Amino acid sequence: NWAADLDDRKSTSGYLFTFQGRAVSWCCKRQPTVALSSCEAE
């Protein structure tokens, strides 16, 4: 989610892995640096 943080405009990363159609690993984390485009954030 590009530039989602209203305070410092850092983006949020997220990933999820599924096995047997069920989630086995997931993460949500604010990116350490400001992305200059949605492409860079992704």
ModelCIF file with pLDDT and N, C-alpha, C, O atoms, coordinates in Angstrom:
data_MODEL
#
_entry.id   MODEL 
#
_entity.id                         1 
_entity.type                       polymer 
_entity.pdbx_number_of_molecules   1 
#
_entity_poly.entity_id                      1 
_entity_poly.type                           'polypeptide(L)' 
_entity_poly.nstd_linkage                   no 
_entity_poly.nstd_monomer                   no 
_entity_poly.pdbx_seq_one_letter_code       NWAADLDDRKSTSGYLFTFQGRAVSWCCKRQPTVALSSCEAE 
_entity_poly.pdbx_seq_one_letter_code_can   NWAADLDDRKSTSGYLFTFQGRAVSWCCKRQPTVALSSCEAE 
_entity_poly.pdbx_strand_id                 A 
#
loop_
_entity_poly_seq.entity_id 
_entity_poly_seq.num 
_entity_poly_seq.mon_id 
_entity_poly_seq.hetero 
1 1  ASN n 
1 2  TRP n 
1 3  ALA n 
1 4  ALA n 
1 5  ASP n 
1 6  LEU n 
1 7  ASP n 
1 8  ASP n 
1 9  ARG n 
1 10 LYS n 
1 11 SER n 
1 12 THR n 
1 13 SER n 
1 14 GLY n 
1 15 TYR n 
1 16 LEU n 
1 17 PHE n 
1 18 THR n 
1 19 PHE n 
1 20 GLN n 
1 21 GLY n 
1 22 ARG n 
1 23 ALA n 
1 24 VAL n 
1 25 SER n 
1 26 TRP n 
1 27 CYS n 
1 28 CYS n 
1 29 LYS n 
1 30 ARG n 
1 31 GLN n 
1 32 PRO n 
1 33 THR n 
1 34 VAL n 
1 35 ALA n 
1 36 LEU n 
1 37 SER n 
1 38 SER n 
1 39 CYS n 
1 40 GLU n 
1 41 ALA n 
1 42 GLU n 
#
_struct_asym.id          A 
_struct_asym.entity_id   1 
#
loop_
_ma_qa_metric.id 
_ma_qa_metric.mode 
_ma_qa_metric.name 
_ma_qa_metric.software_group_id 
_ma_qa_metric.type 
1 global pLDDT . pLDDT 
2 local  pLDDT . pLDDT 
#
_ma_qa_metric_global.metric_id      1 
_ma_qa_metric_global.metric_value   92.88 
_ma_qa_metric_global.model_id       1 
_ma_qa_metric_global.ordinal_id     1 
#
loop_
_ma_qa_metric_local.label_asym_id 
_ma_qa_metric_local.label_comp_id 
_ma_qa_metric_local.label_seq_id 
_ma_qa_metric_local.metric_id 
_ma_qa_metric_local.metric_value 
_ma_qa_metric_local.model_id 
_ma_qa_metric_local.ordinal_id 
A ASN 1  2 95.00 1 1  
A TRP 2  2 94.00 1 2  
A ALA 3  2 91.00 1 3  
A ALA 4  2 89.00 1 4  
A ASP 5  2 90.00 1 5  
A LEU 6  2 89.00 1 6  
A ASP 7  2 90.00 1 7  
A ASP 8  2 92.00 1 8  
A ARG 9  2 93.00 1 9  
A LYS 10 2 94.00 1 10 
A SER 11 2 95.00 1 11 
A THR 12 2 96.00 1 12 
A SER 13 2 97.00 1 13 
A GLY 14 2 97.00 1 14 
A TYR 15 2 97.00 1 15 
A LEU 16 2 97.00 1 16 
A PHE 17 2 97.00 1 17 
A THR 18 2 94.00 1 18 
A PHE 19 2 91.00 1 19 
A GLN 20 2 87.00 1 20 
A GLY 21 2 85.00 1 21 
A ARG 22 2 91.00 1 22 
A ALA 23 2 95.00 1 23 
A VAL 24 2 95.00 1 24 
A SER 25 2 97.00 1 25 
A TRP 26 2 97.00 1 26 
A CYS 27 2 97.00 1 27 
A CYS 28 2 97.00 1 28 
A LYS 29 2 95.00 1 29 
A ARG 30 2 94.00 1 30 
A GLN 31 2 94.00 1 31 
A PRO 32 2 91.00 1 32 
A THR 33 2 90.00 1 33 
A VAL 34 2 92.00 1 34 
A ALA 35 2 91.00 1 35 
A LEU 36 2 88.00 1 36 
A SER 37 2 89.00 1 37 
A SER 38 2 91.00 1 38 
A CYS 39 2 90.00 1 39 
A GLU 40 2 90.00 1 40 
A ALA 41 2 93.00 1 41 
A GLU 42 2 94.00 1 42 
#
loop_
_atom_site.group_PDB 
_atom_site.id 
_atom_site.type_symbol 
_atom_site.label_atom_id 
_atom_site.label_alt_id 
_atom_site.label_comp_id 
_atom_site.label_asym_id 
_atom_site.label_entity_id 
_atom_site.label_seq_id 
_atom_site.pdbx_PDB_ins_code 
_atom_site.Cartn_x 
_atom_site.Cartn_y 
_atom_site.Cartn_z 
_atom_site.occupancy 
_atom_site.B_iso_or_equiv 
_atom_site.pdbx_formal_charge 
_atom_site.auth_seq_id 
_atom_site.auth_comp_id 
_atom_site.auth_asym_id 
_atom_site.auth_atom_id 
_atom_site.pdbx_PDB_model_num 
ATOM 1   N N  . ASN A 1 1  ? 0.869  -1.173  0.000  1.00 95.00 ? 1  ASN A N  1 
ATOM 2   C CA . ASN A 1 1  ? 0.000  0.000   0.000  1.00 95.00 ? 1  ASN A CA 1 
ATOM 3   C C  . ASN A 1 1  ? 0.908  1.225   0.000  1.00 95.00 ? 1  ASN A C  1 
ATOM 4   O O  . ASN A 1 1  ? 1.535  1.550   1.009  1.00 95.00 ? 1  ASN A O  1 
ATOM 5   N N  . TRP A 1 2  ? 0.968  1.894   -1.137 1.00 94.00 ? 2  TRP A N  1 
ATOM 6   C CA . TRP A 1 2  ? 1.943  2.965   -1.338 1.00 94.00 ? 2  TRP A CA 1 
ATOM 7   C C  . TRP A 1 2  ? 1.605  4.200   -0.502 1.00 94.00 ? 2  TRP A C  1 
ATOM 8   O O  . TRP A 1 2  ? 0.473  4.685   -0.514 1.00 94.00 ? 2  TRP A O  1 
ATOM 9   N N  . ALA A 1 3  ? 2.617  4.700   0.229  1.00 91.00 ? 3  ALA A N  1 
ATOM 10  C CA . ALA A 1 3  ? 2.533  5.959   0.988  1.00 91.00 ? 3  ALA A CA 1 
ATOM 11  C C  . ALA A 1 3  ? 1.322  6.000   1.907  1.00 91.00 ? 3  ALA A C  1 
ATOM 12  O O  . ALA A 1 3  ? 0.653  7.027   2.021  1.00 91.00 ? 3  ALA A O  1 
ATOM 13  N N  . ALA A 1 4  ? 1.042  4.871   2.565  1.00 89.00 ? 4  ALA A N  1 
ATOM 14  C CA . ALA A 1 4  ? -0.167 4.771   3.378  1.00 89.00 ? 4  ALA A CA 1 
ATOM 15  C C  . ALA A 1 4  ? -0.050 5.481   4.720  1.00 89.00 ? 4  ALA A C  1 
ATOM 16  O O  . ALA A 1 4  ? -1.059 5.917   5.274  1.00 89.00 ? 4  ALA A O  1 
ATOM 17  N N  . ASP A 1 5  ? 1.163  5.604   5.253  1.00 90.00 ? 5  ASP A N  1 
ATOM 18  C CA . ASP A 1 5  ? 1.341  6.216   6.562  1.00 90.00 ? 5  ASP A CA 1 
ATOM 19  C C  . ASP A 1 5  ? 1.225  7.733   6.455  1.00 90.00 ? 5  ASP A C  1 
ATOM 20  O O  . ASP A 1 5  ? 1.999  8.364   5.736  1.00 90.00 ? 5  ASP A O  1 
ATOM 21  N N  . LEU A 1 6  ? 0.279  8.312   7.155  1.00 89.00 ? 6  LEU A N  1 
ATOM 22  C CA . LEU A 1 6  ? 0.048  9.751   7.075  1.00 89.00 ? 6  LEU A CA 1 
ATOM 23  C C  . LEU A 1 6  ? 1.158  10.566  7.731  1.00 89.00 ? 6  LEU A C  1 
ATOM 24  O O  . LEU A 1 6  ? 1.321  11.746  7.422  1.00 89.00 ? 6  LEU A O  1 
ATOM 25  N N  . ASP A 1 7  ? 1.919  9.956   8.629  1.00 90.00 ? 7  ASP A N  1 
ATOM 26  C CA . ASP A 1 7  ? 2.944  10.691  9.361  1.00 90.00 ? 7  ASP A CA 1 
ATOM 27  C C  . ASP A 1 7  ? 4.248  10.825  8.592  1.00 90.00 ? 7  ASP A C  1 
ATOM 28  O O  . ASP A 1 7  ? 4.839  11.904  8.568  1.00 90.00 ? 7  ASP A O  1 
ATOM 29  N N  . ASP A 1 8  ? 4.709  9.742   7.962  1.00 92.00 ? 8  ASP A N  1 
ATOM 30  C CA . ASP A 1 8  ? 5.985  9.813   7.249  1.00 92.00 ? 8  ASP A CA 1 
ATOM 31  C C  . ASP A 1 8  ? 5.900  9.325   5.802  1.00 92.00 ? 8  ASP A C  1 
ATOM 32  O O  . ASP A 1 8  ? 6.912  9.271   5.103  1.00 92.00 ? 8  ASP A O  1 
ATOM 33  N N  . ARG A 1 9  ? 4.686  8.968   5.351  1.00 93.00 ? 9  ARG A N  1 
ATOM 34  C CA . ARG A 1 9  ? 4.436  8.535   3.983  1.00 93.00 ? 9  ARG A CA 1 
ATOM 35  C C  . ARG A 1 9  ? 5.219  7.289   3.585  1.00 93.00 ? 9  ARG A C  1 
ATOM 36  O O  . ARG A 1 9  ? 5.522  7.092   2.408  1.00 93.00 ? 9  ARG A O  1 
ATOM 37  N N  . LYS A 1 10 ? 5.541  6.462   4.550  1.00 94.00 ? 10 LYS A N  1 
ATOM 38  C CA . LYS A 1 10 ? 6.134  5.172   4.226  1.00 94.00 ? 10 LYS A CA 1 
ATOM 39  C C  . LYS A 1 10 ? 5.030  4.196   3.836  1.00 94.00 ? 10 LYS A C  1 
ATOM 40  O O  . LYS A 1 10 ? 3.892  4.311   4.291  1.00 94.00 ? 10 LYS A O  1 
ATOM 41  N N  . SER A 1 11 ? 5.378  3.247   2.997  1.00 95.00 ? 11 SER A N  1 
ATOM 42  C CA . SER A 1 11 ? 4.407  2.271   2.500  1.00 95.00 ? 11 SER A CA 1 
ATOM 43  C C  . SER A 1 11 ? 4.354  1.048   3.416  1.00 95.00 ? 11 SER A C  1 
ATOM 44  O O  . SER A 1 11 ? 5.219  0.855   4.269  1.00 95.00 ? 11 SER A O  1 
ATOM 45  N N  . THR A 1 12 ? 3.335  0.240   3.223  1.00 96.00 ? 12 THR A N  1 
ATOM 46  C CA . THR A 1 12 ? 3.159  -0.981  4.001  1.00 96.00 ? 12 THR A CA 1 
ATOM 47  C C  . THR A 1 12 ? 3.291  -2.191  3.093  1.00 96.00 ? 12 THR A C  1 
ATOM 48  O O  . THR A 1 12 ? 2.637  -2.271  2.053  1.00 96.00 ? 12 THR A O  1 
ATOM 49  N N  . SER A 1 13 ? 4.144  -3.137  3.491  1.00 97.00 ? 13 SER A N  1 
ATOM 50  C CA . SER A 1 13 ? 4.319  -4.392  2.753  1.00 97.00 ? 13 SER A CA 1 
ATOM 51  C C  . SER A 1 13 ? 3.506  -5.493  3.418  1.00 97.00 ? 13 SER A C  1 
ATOM 52  O O  . SER A 1 13 ? 3.311  -5.499  4.633  1.00 97.00 ? 13 SER A O  1 
ATOM 53  N N  . GLY A 1 14 ? 3.037  -6.423  2.596  1.00 97.00 ? 14 GLY A N  1 
ATOM 54  C CA . GLY A 1 14 ? 2.328  -7.573  3.148  1.00 97.00 ? 14 GLY A CA 1 
ATOM 55  C C  . GLY A 1 14 ? 2.540  -8.786  2.259  1.00 97.00 ? 14 GLY A C  1 
ATOM 56  O O  . GLY A 1 14 ? 2.571  -8.671  1.034  1.00 97.00 ? 14 GLY A O  1 
ATOM 57  N N  . TYR A 1 15 ? 2.684  -9.943  2.878  1.00 97.00 ? 15 TYR A N  1 
ATOM 58  C CA . TYR A 1 15 ? 2.715  -11.181 2.093  1.00 97.00 ? 15 TYR A CA 1 
ATOM 59  C C  . TYR A 1 15 ? 2.020  -12.290 2.860  1.00 97.00 ? 15 TYR A C  1 
ATOM 60  O O  . TYR A 1 15 ? 1.913  -12.254 4.086  1.00 97.00 ? 15 TYR A O  1 
ATOM 61  N N  . LEU A 1 16 ? 1.550  -13.281 2.107  1.00 97.00 ? 16 LEU A N  1 
ATOM 62  C CA . LEU A 1 16 ? 0.861  -14.418 2.704  1.00 97.00 ? 16 LEU A CA 1 
ATOM 63  C C  . LEU A 1 16 ? 1.168  -15.654 1.874  1.00 97.00 ? 16 LEU A C  1 
ATOM 64  O O  . LEU A 1 16 ? 1.104  -15.611 0.645  1.00 97.00 ? 16 LEU A O  1 
ATOM 65  N N  . PHE A 1 17 ? 1.501  -16.749 2.537  1.00 97.00 ? 17 PHE A N  1 
ATOM 66  C CA . PHE A 1 17 ? 1.759  -18.018 1.858  1.00 97.00 ? 17 PHE A CA 1 
ATOM 67  C C  . PHE A 1 17 ? 0.714  -19.036 2.298  1.00 97.00 ? 17 PHE A C  1 
ATOM 68  O O  . PHE A 1 17 ? 0.395  -19.151 3.482  1.00 97.00 ? 17 PHE A O  1 
ATOM 69  N N  . THR A 1 18 ? 0.193  -19.765 1.327  1.00 94.00 ? 18 THR A N  1 
ATOM 70  C CA . THR A 1 18 ? -0.815 -20.785 1.628  1.00 94.00 ? 18 THR A CA 1 
ATOM 71  C C  . THR A 1 18 ? -0.304 -22.160 1.217  1.00 94.00 ? 18 THR A C  1 
ATOM 72  O O  . THR A 1 18 ? 0.448  -22.296 0.252  1.00 94.00 ? 18 THR A O  1 
ATOM 73  N N  . PHE A 1 19 ? -0.719 -23.164 1.956  1.00 91.00 ? 19 PHE A N  1 
ATOM 74  C CA . PHE A 1 19 ? -0.417 -24.559 1.643  1.00 91.00 ? 19 PHE A CA 1 
ATOM 75  C C  . PHE A 1 19 ? -1.669 -25.367 1.933  1.00 91.00 ? 19 PHE A C  1 
ATOM 76  O O  . PHE A 1 19 ? -2.312 -25.178 2.966  1.00 91.00 ? 19 PHE A O  1 
ATOM 77  N N  . GLN A 1 20 ? -2.015 -26.262 1.027  1.00 87.00 ? 20 GLN A N  1 
ATOM 78  C CA . GLN A 1 20 ? -3.288 -26.983 1.128  1.00 87.00 ? 20 GLN A CA 1 
ATOM 79  C C  . GLN A 1 20 ? -4.462 -26.001 1.173  1.00 87.00 ? 20 GLN A C  1 
ATOM 80  O O  . GLN A 1 20 ? -5.503 -26.284 1.765  1.00 87.00 ? 20 GLN A O  1 
ATOM 81  N N  . GLY A 1 21 ? -4.270 -24.836 0.530  1.00 85.00 ? 21 GLY A N  1 
ATOM 82  C CA . GLY A 1 21 ? -5.335 -23.856 0.508  1.00 85.00 ? 21 GLY A CA 1 
ATOM 83  C C  . GLY A 1 21 ? -5.553 -23.145 1.826  1.00 85.00 ? 21 GLY A C  1 
ATOM 84  O O  . GLY A 1 21 ? -6.609 -22.548 2.039  1.00 85.00 ? 21 GLY A O  1 
ATOM 85  N N  . ARG A 1 22 ? -4.550 -23.200 2.735  1.00 91.00 ? 22 ARG A N  1 
ATOM 86  C CA . ARG A 1 22 ? -4.667 -22.566 4.043  1.00 91.00 ? 22 ARG A CA 1 
ATOM 87  C C  . ARG A 1 22 ? -3.419 -21.728 4.325  1.00 91.00 ? 22 ARG A C  1 
ATOM 88  O O  . ARG A 1 22 ? -2.325 -22.077 3.883  1.00 91.00 ? 22 ARG A O  1 
ATOM 89  N N  . ALA A 1 23 ? -3.578 -20.650 5.042  1.00 95.00 ? 23 ALA A N  1 
ATOM 90  C CA . ALA A 1 23 ? -2.449 -19.767 5.344  1.00 95.00 ? 23 ALA A CA 1 
ATOM 91  C C  . ALA A 1 23 ? -1.474 -20.451 6.296  1.00 95.00 ? 23 ALA A C  1 
ATOM 92  O O  . ALA A 1 23 ? -1.878 -21.024 7.308  1.00 95.00 ? 23 ALA A O  1 
ATOM 93  N N  . VAL A 1 24 ? -0.186 -20.385 5.963  1.00 95.00 ? 24 VAL A N  1 
ATOM 94  C CA . VAL A 1 24 ? 0.854  -20.956 6.825  1.00 95.00 ? 24 VAL A CA 1 
ATOM 95  C C  . VAL A 1 24 ? 1.888  -19.905 7.235  1.00 95.00 ? 24 VAL A C  1 
ATOM 96  O O  . VAL A 1 24 ? 2.643  -20.115 8.184  1.00 95.00 ? 24 VAL A O  1 
ATOM 97  N N  . SER A 1 25 ? 1.924  -18.783 6.528  1.00 97.00 ? 25 SER A N  1 
ATOM 98  C CA . SER A 1 25 ? 2.868  -17.719 6.865  1.00 97.00 ? 25 SER A CA 1 
ATOM 99  C C  . SER A 1 25 ? 2.304  -16.398 6.370  1.00 97.00 ? 25 SER A C  1 
ATOM 100 O O  . SER A 1 25 ? 1.792  -16.310 5.254  1.00 97.00 ? 25 SER A O  1 
ATOM 101 N N  . TRP A 1 26 ? 2.403  -15.362 7.216  1.00 97.00 ? 26 TRP A N  1 
ATOM 102 C CA . TRP A 1 26 ? 1.900  -14.049 6.813  1.00 97.00 ? 26 TRP A CA 1 
ATOM 103 C C  . TRP A 1 26 ? 2.684  -12.955 7.525  1.00 97.00 ? 26 TRP A C  1 
ATOM 104 O O  . TRP A 1 26 ? 3.251  -13.171 8.596  1.00 97.00 ? 26 TRP A O  1 
ATOM 105 N N  . CYS A 1 27 ? 2.703  -11.780 6.909  1.00 97.00 ? 27 CYS A N  1 
ATOM 106 C CA . CYS A 1 27 ? 3.479  -10.671 7.463  1.00 97.00 ? 27 CYS A CA 1 
ATOM 107 C C  . CYS A 1 27 ? 2.889  -9.346  6.997  1.00 97.00 ? 27 CYS A C  1 
ATOM 108 O O  . CYS A 1 27 ? 2.435  -9.216  5.861  1.00 97.00 ? 27 CYS A O  1 
ATOM 109 N N  . CYS A 1 28 ? 2.905  -8.374  7.892  1.00 97.00 ? 28 CYS A N  1 
ATOM 110 C CA . CYS A 1 28 ? 2.520  -7.006  7.576  1.00 97.00 ? 28 CYS A CA 1 
ATOM 111 C C  . CYS A 1 28 ? 3.566  -6.110  8.219  1.00 97.00 ? 28 CYS A C  1 
ATOM 112 O O  . CYS A 1 28 ? 3.783  -6.182  9.429  1.00 97.00 ? 28 CYS A O  1 
ATOM 113 N N  . LYS A 1 29 ? 4.215  -5.270  7.428  1.00 95.00 ? 29 LYS A N  1 
ATOM 114 C CA . LYS A 1 29 ? 5.319  -4.473  7.962  1.00 95.00 ? 29 LYS A CA 1 
ATOM 115 C C  . LYS A 1 29 ? 5.443  -3.151  7.217  1.00 95.00 ? 29 LYS A C  1 
ATOM 116 O O  . LYS A 1 29 ? 5.310  -3.099  5.994  1.00 95.00 ? 29 LYS A O  1 
ATOM 117 N N  . ARG A 1 30 ? 5.696  -2.092  7.961  1.00 94.00 ? 30 ARG A N  1 
ATOM 118 C CA . ARG A 1 30 ? 5.949  -0.808  7.332  1.00 94.00 ? 30 ARG A CA 1 
ATOM 119 C C  . ARG A 1 30 ? 7.341  -0.825  6.719  1.00 94.00 ? 30 ARG A C  1 
ATOM 120 O O  . ARG A 1 30 ? 8.289  -1.304  7.342  1.00 94.00 ? 30 ARG A O  1 
ATOM 121 N N  . GLN A 1 31 ? 7.469  -0.308  5.510  1.00 94.00 ? 31 GLN A N  1 
ATOM 122 C CA . GLN A 1 31 ? 8.746  -0.329  4.810  1.00 94.00 ? 31 GLN A CA 1 
ATOM 123 C C  . GLN A 1 31 ? 9.738  0.640   5.455  1.00 94.00 ? 31 GLN A C  1 
ATOM 124 O O  . GLN A 1 31 ? 9.330  1.686   5.960  1.00 94.00 ? 31 GLN A O  1 
ATOM 125 N N  . PRO A 1 32 ? 11.028 0.313   5.448  1.00 91.00 ? 32 PRO A N  1 
ATOM 126 C CA . PRO A 1 32 ? 12.017 1.131   6.165  1.00 91.00 ? 32 PRO A CA 1 
ATOM 127 C C  . PRO A 1 32 ? 12.314 2.471   5.504  1.00 91.00 ? 32 PRO A C  1 
ATOM 128 O O  . PRO A 1 32 ? 12.771 3.400   6.171  1.00 91.00 ? 32 PRO A O  1 
ATOM 129 N N  . THR A 1 33 ? 12.062 2.584   4.205  1.00 90.00 ? 33 THR A N  1 
ATOM 130 C CA . THR A 1 33 ? 12.330 3.837   3.494  1.00 90.00 ? 33 THR A CA 1 
ATOM 131 C C  . THR A 1 33 ? 11.094 4.263   2.709  1.00 90.00 ? 33 THR A C  1 
ATOM 132 O O  . THR A 1 33 ? 10.203 3.453   2.457  1.00 90.00 ? 33 THR A O  1 
ATOM 133 N N  . VAL A 1 34 ? 11.045 5.521   2.329  1.00 92.00 ? 34 VAL A N  1 
ATOM 134 C CA . VAL A 1 34 ? 9.918  6.043   1.565  1.00 92.00 ? 34 VAL A CA 1 
ATOM 135 C C  . VAL A 1 34 ? 10.053 5.634   0.105  1.00 92.00 ? 34 VAL A C  1 
ATOM 136 O O  . VAL A 1 34 ? 11.081 5.892   -0.521 1.00 92.00 ? 34 VAL A O  1 
ATOM 137 N N  . ALA A 1 35 ? 9.034  5.005   -0.435 1.00 91.00 ? 35 ALA A N  1 
ATOM 138 C CA . ALA A 1 35 ? 9.031  4.624   -1.848 1.00 91.00 ? 35 ALA A CA 1 
ATOM 139 C C  . ALA A 1 35 ? 8.606  5.815   -2.699 1.00 91.00 ? 35 ALA A C  1 
ATOM 140 O O  . ALA A 1 35 ? 7.670  6.533   -2.349 1.00 91.00 ? 35 ALA A O  1 
ATOM 141 N N  . LEU A 1 36 ? 9.289  6.018   -3.803 1.00 88.00 ? 36 LEU A N  1 
ATOM 142 C CA . LEU A 1 36 ? 9.012  7.158   -4.661 1.00 88.00 ? 36 LEU A CA 1 
ATOM 143 C C  . LEU A 1 36 ? 7.943  6.867   -5.709 1.00 88.00 ? 36 LEU A C  1 
ATOM 144 O O  . LEU A 1 36 ? 7.547  7.764   -6.453 1.00 88.00 ? 36 LEU A O  1 
ATOM 145 N N  . SER A 1 37 ? 7.473  5.626   -5.772 1.00 89.00 ? 37 SER A N  1 
ATOM 146 C CA . SER A 1 37 ? 6.415  5.267   -6.708 1.00 89.00 ? 37 SER A CA 1 
ATOM 147 C C  . SER A 1 37 ? 5.726  4.011   -6.200 1.00 89.00 ? 37 SER A C  1 
ATOM 148 O O  . SER A 1 37 ? 6.261  3.293   -5.355 1.00 89.00 ? 37 SER A O  1 
ATOM 149 N N  . SER A 1 38 ? 4.544  3.756   -6.720 1.00 91.00 ? 38 SER A N  1 
ATOM 150 C CA . SER A 1 38 ? 3.838  2.536   -6.331 1.00 91.00 ? 38 SER A CA 1 
ATOM 151 C C  . SER A 1 38 ? 4.600  1.305   -6.807 1.00 91.00 ? 38 SER A C  1 
ATOM 152 O O  . SER A 1 38 ? 4.566  0.259   -6.158 1.00 91.00 ? 38 SER A O  1 
ATOM 153 N N  . CYS A 1 39 ? 5.289  1.432   -7.944 1.00 90.00 ? 39 CYS A N  1 
ATOM 154 C CA . CYS A 1 39 ? 6.105  0.323   -8.445 1.00 90.00 ? 39 CYS A CA 1 
ATOM 155 C C  . CYS A 1 39 ? 7.206  -0.022  -7.459 1.00 90.00 ? 39 CYS A C  1 
ATOM 156 O O  . CYS A 1 39 ? 7.448  -1.196  -7.180 1.00 90.00 ? 39 CYS A O  1 
ATOM 157 N N  . GLU A 1 40 ? 7.878  1.000   -6.927 1.00 90.00 ? 40 GLU A N  1 
ATOM 158 C CA . GLU A 1 40 ? 8.950  0.748   -5.963 1.00 90.00 ? 40 GLU A CA 1 
ATOM 159 C C  . GLU A 1 40 ? 8.407  0.132   -4.682 1.00 90.00 ? 40 GLU A C  1 
ATOM 160 O O  . GLU A 1 40 ? 9.029  -0.764  -4.113 1.00 90.00 ? 40 GLU A O  1 
ATOM 161 N N  . ALA A 1 41 ? 7.250  0.604   -4.222 1.00 93.00 ? 41 ALA A N  1 
ATOM 162 C CA . ALA A 1 41 ? 6.646  0.046   -3.012 1.00 93.00 ? 41 ALA A CA 1 
ATOM 163 C C  . ALA A 1 41 ? 6.323  -1.433  -3.211 1.00 93.00 ? 41 ALA A C  1 
ATOM 164 O O  . ALA A 1 41 ? 6.589  -2.251  -2.331 1.00 93.00 ? 41 ALA A O  1 
ATOM 165 N N  . GLU A 1 42 ? 5.756  -1.774  -4.356 1.00 94.00 ? 42 GLU A N  1 
ATOM 166 C CA . GLU A 1 42 ? 5.427  -3.172  -4.649 1.00 94.00 ? 42 GLU A CA 1 
ATOM 167 C C  . GLU A 1 42 ? 6.697  -4.003  -4.792 1.00 94.00 ? 42 GLU A C  1 
ATOM 168 O O  . GLU A 1 42 ? 6.623  -5.207  -5.040 1.00 94.00 ? 42 GLU A O  1 
#
